[in-house]
C-alpha atoms as a PDB file:
ATOM      1  CA  MET A   1     -61.523  91.190  45.973  1.00  0.00           C
ATOM      2  CA  ARG A   2     -61.311  92.058  41.778  1.00  0.00           C
ATOM      3  CA  GLY A   3     -59.273  94.687  42.494  1.00  0.00           C
ATOM      4  CA  GLN A   4     -56.631  91.679  44.403  1.00  0.00           C
ATOM      5  CA  ARG A   5     -56.622  89.646  41.565  1.00  0.00           C
ATOM      6  CA  ALA A   6     -56.200  92.348  39.474  1.00  0.00           C
ATOM      7  CA  ALA A   7     -53.438  93.402  40.925  1.00  0.00           C
ATOM      8  CA  GLY A   8     -51.694  90.083  41.099  1.00  0.00           C
ATOM      9  CA  ALA A   9     -51.829  89.519  38.043  1.00  0.00           C
ATOM     10  CA  LEU A  10     -50.058  92.912  36.671  1.00  0.00           C
ATOM     11  CA  TRP A  11     -47.884  91.901  39.537  1.00  0.00           C
ATOM     12  CA  ALA A  12     -47.483  88.566  37.571  1.00  0.00           C
ATOM     13  CA  TRP A  13     -47.405  90.210  34.312  1.00  0.00           C
ATOM     14  CA  ARG A  14     -44.679  92.623  35.511  1.00  0.00           C
ATOM     15  CA  ARG A  15     -42.663  89.848  36.791  1.00  0.00           C
ATOM     16  CA  PHE A  16     -42.871  87.896  33.341  1.00  0.00           C
ATOM     17  CA  ILE A  17     -41.860  90.851  31.153  1.00  0.00           C
ATOM     18  CA  LEU A  18     -38.765  91.752  34.154  1.00  0.00           C
ATOM     19  CA  SER A  19     -37.928  88.056  34.248  1.00  0.00           C
ATOM     20  CA  ALA A  20     -38.403  88.322  29.546  1.00  0.00           C
ATOM     21  CA  LEU A  21     -36.240  91.629  29.960  1.00  0.00           C
ATOM     22  CA  SER A  22     -33.183  90.237  31.887  1.00  0.00           C
ATOM     23  CA  VAL A  23     -33.119  87.136  29.368  1.00  0.00           C
ATOM     24  CA  LEU A  24     -32.818  89.459  26.826  1.00  0.00           C
ATOM     25  CA  SER A  25     -30.458  91.740  28.108  1.00  0.00           C
ATOM     26  CA  VAL A  26     -27.779  88.507  29.158  1.00  0.00           C
ATOM     27  CA  LEU A  27     -28.036  86.559  25.943  1.00  0.00           C
ATOM     28  CA  SER A  28     -27.265  90.430  24.198  1.00  0.00           C
ATOM     29  CA  VAL A  29     -24.206  90.892  26.299  1.00  0.00           C
ATOM     30  CA  LEU A  30     -23.369  86.966  25.005  1.00  0.00           C
ATOM     31  CA  SER A  31     -23.216  87.699  22.002  1.00  0.00           C
ATOM     32  CA  CYS A  32     -21.183  90.359  21.628  1.00  0.00           C
ATOM     33  CA  GLU A  33     -18.563  88.367  23.793  1.00  0.00           C
ATOM     34  CA  ASP A  34     -14.738  88.073  21.494  1.00  0.00           C
ATOM     35  CA  THR A  35     -14.352  84.776  21.206  1.00  0.00           C
ATOM     36  CA  GLY A  36     -11.273  85.142  19.748  1.00  0.00           C
ATOM     37  CA  VAL A  37     -10.159  83.792  16.323  1.00  0.00           C
ATOM     38  CA  ARG A  38     -12.289  80.639  14.884  1.00  0.00           C
ATOM     39  CA  PRO A  39     -11.229  78.055  12.461  1.00  0.00           C
ATOM     40  CA  THR A  40     -12.516  78.928   8.653  1.00  0.00           C
ATOM     41  CA  THR A  41     -14.879  76.084   7.343  1.00  0.00           C
ATOM     42  CA  THR A  42     -13.790  73.964   4.816  1.00  0.00           C
ATOM     43  CA  VAL A  43     -16.658  72.754   2.884  1.00  0.00           C
ATOM     44  CA  GLN A  44     -15.147  70.009   0.248  1.00  0.00           C
ATOM     45  CA  ALA A  45     -16.786  68.560  -2.697  1.00  0.00           C
ATOM     46  CA  PRO A  46     -17.714  64.769  -2.949  1.00  0.00           C
ATOM     47  CA  ASP A  47     -15.354  64.034  -5.805  1.00  0.00           C
ATOM     48  CA  SER A  48     -12.250  66.343  -4.714  1.00  0.00           C
ATOM     49  CA  ALA A  49      -9.027  64.510  -3.537  1.00  0.00           C
ATOM     50  CA  ASP A  50      -8.736  63.772   0.094  1.00  0.00           C
ATOM     51  CA  GLN A  51      -4.469  64.091  -0.116  1.00  0.00           C
ATOM     52  CA  VAL A  52      -2.754  65.764  -3.151  1.00  0.00           C
ATOM     53  CA  LEU A  53       0.902  65.401  -2.925  1.00  0.00           C
ATOM     54  CA  GLU A  54       3.317  66.674  -5.818  1.00  0.00           C
ATOM     55  CA  GLY A  55       6.796  63.889  -6.140  1.00  0.00           C
ATOM     56  CA  PHE A  56       4.976  60.715  -5.228  1.00  0.00           C
ATOM     57  CA  SER A  57       7.167  57.738  -5.058  1.00  0.00           C
ATOM     58  CA  HIS A  58       5.136  54.334  -4.437  1.00  0.00           C
ATOM     59  CA  TYR A  59       6.960  51.140  -3.800  1.00  0.00           C
ATOM     60  CA  VAL A  60       4.324  47.873  -4.882  1.00  0.00           C
ATOM     61  CA  THR A  61       5.016  44.220  -4.439  1.00  0.00           C
ATOM     62  CA  ASN A  62       3.060  40.789  -3.754  1.00  0.00           C
ATOM     63  CA  GLU A  63       4.241  38.503  -1.443  1.00  0.00           C
ATOM     64  CA  GLY A  64       7.743  39.705  -0.419  1.00  0.00           C
ATOM     65  CA  ILE A  65       8.584  40.674  -4.268  1.00  0.00           C
ATOM     66  CA  LEU A  66       9.421  44.105  -5.006  1.00  0.00           C
ATOM     67  CA  ARG A  67       7.376  44.668  -8.379  1.00  0.00           C
ATOM     68  CA  SER A  68       7.656  48.183  -9.246  1.00  0.00           C
ATOM     69  CA  ARG A  69       8.081  51.614  -8.516  1.00  0.00           C
ATOM     70  CA  VAL A  70       5.404  54.389  -9.017  1.00  0.00           C
ATOM     71  CA  GLU A  71       6.262  57.194  -9.304  1.00  0.00           C
ATOM     72  CA  ALA A  72       4.091  60.671 -10.964  1.00  0.00           C
ATOM     73  CA  ASP A  73       4.440  64.289 -10.223  1.00  0.00           C
ATOM     74  CA  THR A  74       1.242  64.722  -8.541  1.00  0.00           C
ATOM     75  CA  ALA A  75      -1.082  61.743  -6.953  1.00  0.00           C
ATOM     76  CA  PHE A  76      -4.762  62.646  -5.666  1.00  0.00           C
ATOM     77  CA  PHE A  77      -6.239  60.473  -3.079  1.00  0.00           C
ATOM     78  CA  TYR A  78      -9.389  59.207  -2.592  1.00  0.00           C
ATOM     79  CA  GLU A  79     -10.461  57.284   0.903  1.00  0.00           C
ATOM     80  CA  ALA A  80     -13.535  56.428   0.210  1.00  0.00           C
ATOM     81  CA  THR A  81     -12.829  54.271  -3.314  1.00  0.00           C
ATOM     82  CA  GLN A  82      -9.273  54.171  -2.052  1.00  0.00           C
ATOM     83  CA  ILE A  83      -7.683  54.980  -5.672  1.00  0.00           C
ATOM     84  CA  THR A  84      -5.161  57.202  -6.383  1.00  0.00           C
ATOM     85  CA  GLU A  85      -5.323  59.698  -9.487  1.00  0.00           C
ATOM     86  CA  LEU A  86      -1.265  60.189 -10.967  1.00  0.00           C
ATOM     87  CA  HIS A  87      -0.344  62.673 -13.561  1.00  0.00           C
ATOM     88  CA  LYS A  88       2.763  62.195 -15.396  1.00  0.00           C
ATOM     89  CA  VAL A  89       3.541  58.572 -14.459  1.00  0.00           C
ATOM     90  CA  LYS A  90       6.368  56.826 -14.917  1.00  0.00           C
ATOM     91  CA  VAL A  91       6.509  53.228 -13.658  1.00  0.00           C
ATOM     92  CA  VAL A  92       9.476  50.611 -13.258  1.00  0.00           C
ATOM     93  CA  PHE A  93       8.948  47.214 -13.474  1.00  0.00           C
ATOM     94  CA  TYR A  94      11.064  44.700 -11.453  1.00  0.00           C
ATOM     95  CA  ASP A  95      12.102  41.027 -12.412  1.00  0.00           C
ATOM     96  CA  VAL A  96      12.322  38.322  -9.717  1.00  0.00           C
ATOM     97  CA  LYS A  97      15.861  38.871  -9.035  1.00  0.00           C
ATOM     98  CA  GLY A  98      15.004  42.699  -8.048  1.00  0.00           C
ATOM     99  CA  ALA A  99      16.955  43.894 -12.145  1.00  0.00           C
ATOM    100  CA  GLU A 100      14.974  46.539 -13.754  1.00  0.00           C
ATOM    101  CA  SER A 101      13.011  44.889 -16.154  1.00  0.00           C
ATOM    102  CA  SER A 102      10.687  48.211 -18.134  1.00  0.00           C
ATOM    103  CA  THR A 103       9.733  51.384 -17.549  1.00  0.00           C
ATOM    104  CA  LEU A 104       6.780  52.449 -18.237  1.00  0.00           C
ATOM    105  CA  THR A 105       5.269  56.286 -19.128  1.00  0.00           C
ATOM    106  CA  ALA A 106       1.949  57.863 -19.179  1.00  0.00           C
ATOM    107  CA  ARG A 107       0.213  60.975 -19.444  1.00  0.00           C
ATOM    108  CA  ARG A 108      -1.997  59.323 -15.674  1.00  0.00           C
ATOM    109  CA  GLY A 109      -2.053  57.196 -14.576  1.00  0.00           C
ATOM    110  CA  THR A 110      -5.004  55.018 -11.675  1.00  0.00           C
ATOM    111  CA  TYR A 111      -3.434  53.285  -8.894  1.00  0.00           C
ATOM    112  CA  ARG A 112      -6.172  50.952  -7.230  1.00  0.00           C
ATOM    113  CA  TRP A 113      -4.220  50.454  -3.505  1.00  0.00           C
ATOM    114  CA  GLN A 114      -6.338  46.956  -2.744  1.00  0.00           C
ATOM    115  CA  ASP A 115      -5.054  44.730  -5.182  1.00  0.00           C
ATOM    116  CA  GLY A 116      -1.732  47.183  -6.385  1.00  0.00           C
ATOM    117  CA  SER A 117      -2.989  47.357 -10.325  1.00  0.00           C
ATOM    118  CA  MET A 118      -3.207  50.513 -11.771  1.00  0.00           C
ATOM    119  CA  GLU A 119      -4.744  51.904 -15.380  1.00  0.00           C
ATOM    120  CA  ALA A 120      -2.595  53.898 -17.297  1.00  0.00           C
ATOM    121  CA  THR A 121      -3.830  56.638 -20.187  1.00  0.00           C
ATOM    122  CA  GLY A 122      -2.021  58.810 -23.026  1.00  0.00           C
ATOM    123  CA  ASN A 123       0.388  58.130 -24.689  1.00  0.00           C
ATOM    124  CA  VAL A 124       1.841  55.428 -23.069  1.00  0.00           C
ATOM    125  CA  VAL A 125       5.272  54.042 -23.716  1.00  0.00           C
ATOM    126  CA  VAL A 126       6.664  50.819 -22.134  1.00  0.00           C
ATOM    127  CA  VAL A 127      11.051  50.441 -22.781  1.00  0.00           C
ATOM    128  CA  SER A 128      12.918  47.077 -21.512  1.00  0.00           C
ATOM    129  CA  PRO A 129      15.973  48.165 -20.795  1.00  0.00           C
ATOM    130  CA  ASP A 130      17.423  45.994 -24.358  1.00  0.00           C
ATOM    131  CA  GLY A 131      15.509  48.516 -26.140  1.00  0.00           C
ATOM    132  CA  ARG A 132      12.436  46.083 -26.761  1.00  0.00           C
ATOM    133  CA  ARG A 133       9.172  49.753 -27.081  1.00  0.00           C
ATOM    134  CA  LEU A 134       5.708  48.905 -26.873  1.00  0.00           C
ATOM    135  CA  ALA A 135       3.435  51.761 -27.530  1.00  0.00           C
ATOM    136  CA  THR A 136      -0.719  52.065 -26.805  1.00  0.00           C
ATOM    137  CA  GLU A 137      -2.883  54.834 -25.513  1.00  0.00           C
ATOM    138  CA  VAL A 138      -4.067  52.729 -22.972  1.00  0.00           C
ATOM    139  CA  LEU A 139      -3.349  49.803 -20.407  1.00  0.00           C
ATOM    140  CA  ARG A 140      -3.084  48.044 -17.459  1.00  0.00           C
ATOM    141  CA  TYR A 141      -1.028  46.192 -15.043  1.00  0.00           C
ATOM    142  CA  GLU A 142      -2.167  43.186 -12.710  1.00  0.00           C
ATOM    143  CA  ASN A 143      -0.595  42.933  -9.527  1.00  0.00           C
ATOM    144  CA  ALA A 144      -1.258  39.560  -9.221  1.00  0.00           C
ATOM    145  CA  THR A 145      -0.343  37.706 -12.017  1.00  0.00           C
ATOM    146  CA  ASN A 146       2.498  40.712 -12.895  1.00  0.00           C
ATOM    147  CA  LEU A 147       0.792  41.177 -16.634  1.00  0.00           C
ATOM    148  CA  ILE A 148       0.988  44.092 -19.084  1.00  0.00           C
ATOM    149  CA  VAL A 149      -2.637  44.370 -20.640  1.00  0.00           C
ATOM    150  CA  THR A 150      -4.242  46.538 -23.752  1.00  0.00           C
ATOM    151  CA  ASP A 151      -7.573  45.517 -25.673  1.00  0.00           C
ATOM    152  CA  ARG A 152      -6.439  48.987 -27.747  1.00  0.00           C
ATOM    153  CA  HIS A 153      -4.438  48.970 -30.794  1.00  0.00           C
ATOM    154  CA  PHE A 154      -0.722  48.709 -29.662  1.00  0.00           C
ATOM    155  CA  ILE A 155       2.811  49.140 -31.320  1.00  0.00           C
ATOM    156  CA  PHE A 156       5.281  47.157 -30.311  1.00  0.00           C
ATOM    157  CA  ASP A 157       9.119  46.943 -31.678  1.00  0.00           C
ATOM    158  CA  ARG A 158      12.465  44.231 -30.842  1.00  0.00           C
ATOM    159  CA  GLY A 159      15.371  45.421 -33.305  1.00  0.00           C
ATOM    160  CA  THR A 160      13.844  45.031 -36.465  1.00  0.00           C
ATOM    161  CA  GLU A 161      10.604  42.977 -35.745  1.00  0.00           C
ATOM    162  CA  HIS A 162       7.514  45.281 -35.951  1.00  0.00           C
ATOM    163  CA  LEU A 163       4.224  44.207 -34.547  1.00  0.00           C
ATOM    164  CA  GLU A 164       1.469  45.656 -34.229  1.00  0.00           C
ATOM    165  CA  GLY A 165      -2.033  44.352 -33.284  1.00  0.00           C
ATOM    166  CA  ASN A 166      -5.769  44.739 -31.409  1.00  0.00           C
ATOM    167  CA  SER A 167      -4.917  43.888 -28.167  1.00  0.00           C
ATOM    168  CA  PHE A 168      -1.491  42.710 -25.878  1.00  0.00           C
ATOM    169  CA  ARG A 169      -0.740  40.854 -23.220  1.00  0.00           C
ATOM    170  CA  SER A 170       2.601  40.063 -21.796  1.00  0.00           C
ATOM    171  CA  ASP A 171       5.327  40.283 -18.988  1.00  0.00           C
ATOM    172  CA  PRO A 172       7.078  43.292 -18.247  1.00  0.00           C
ATOM    173  CA  ASP A 173       9.789  41.698 -19.539  1.00  0.00           C
ATOM    174  CA  PHE A 174       8.120  40.856 -22.695  1.00  0.00           C
ATOM    175  CA  ARG A 175       9.103  37.585 -22.980  1.00  0.00           C
ATOM    176  CA  ASN A 176       5.835  35.997 -22.920  1.00  0.00           C
ATOM    177  CA  VAL A 177       3.701  38.726 -25.302  1.00  0.00           C
ATOM    178  CA  VAL A 178      -0.136  37.361 -26.711  1.00  0.00           C
ATOM    179  CA  THR A 179      -1.749  38.970 -28.967  1.00  0.00           C
ATOM    180  CA  ASP A 180      -5.108  39.619 -31.661  1.00  0.00           C
ATOM    181  CA  ARG A 181      -5.058  39.954 -35.179  1.00  0.00           C
ATOM    182  CA  PRO A 182      -1.121  40.595 -35.663  1.00  0.00           C
ATOM    183  CA  ARG A 183       0.554  41.967 -38.618  1.00  0.00           C
ATOM    184  CA  GLY A 184       4.405  43.381 -38.875  1.00  0.00           C
ATOM    185  CA  VAL A 185       7.011  41.806 -40.287  1.00  0.00           C
ATOM    186  CA  SER A 186       9.504  39.593 -38.483  1.00  0.00           C
ATOM    187  CA  GLY A 187      13.139  40.077 -37.647  1.00  0.00           C
ATOM    188  CA  ASP A 188      13.889  38.419 -40.475  1.00  0.00           C
ATOM    189  CA  GLY A 189      12.417  40.740 -42.502  1.00  0.00           C
ATOM    190  CA  MET A 190       9.475  37.839 -42.938  1.00  0.00           C
ATOM    191  CA  LEU A 191       5.854  38.436 -42.977  1.00  0.00           C
ATOM    192  CA  LEU A 192       3.714  38.495 -40.220  1.00  0.00           C
ATOM    193  CA  PRO A 193       0.302  36.699 -40.717  1.00  0.00           C
ATOM    194  CA  GLY A 194      -2.417  39.241 -41.389  1.00  0.00           C
ATOM    195  CA  GLN A 195      -0.741  40.928 -44.200  1.00  0.00           C
END
């Protein structure tokens, strides 16, 4: 009886070994199988753009009225934040009749898709068709109010008038200009307060 149990246990052990060897041989055959070309895996850094476009152009409207056309040499789209970073920016502003009211140029810009606002930075210059010129380092465009705003030093020239100050707020047509601590020369040669 003891011999039969030992023979049965040996037989069970052999079946286990044979089963294990057959599983291993099937796995080794499968691992050698050619699965063809596999696509490479791309790992994206958390701060990298979802899309990069060269030669970007976009029209901004508010309640069906064309406000501006935004152009850039390169645009970096970030879907999670709904922000586009722009390089070598040009923005053409339009009045309510659709005529060009001014053109902004800057080294960089940040465009917010949620509300159509934008912040331009680096050698920001806004020029109107009649020659009025605003220069500053940072300028925001608020699409909801159709205003250009800066809280930095600015220079504004119109003909013989020269105005400088610590902040600037105006429509892109330069019709309603509000400044903080203005200084400069008015059109008739008169010094502005703060000189």
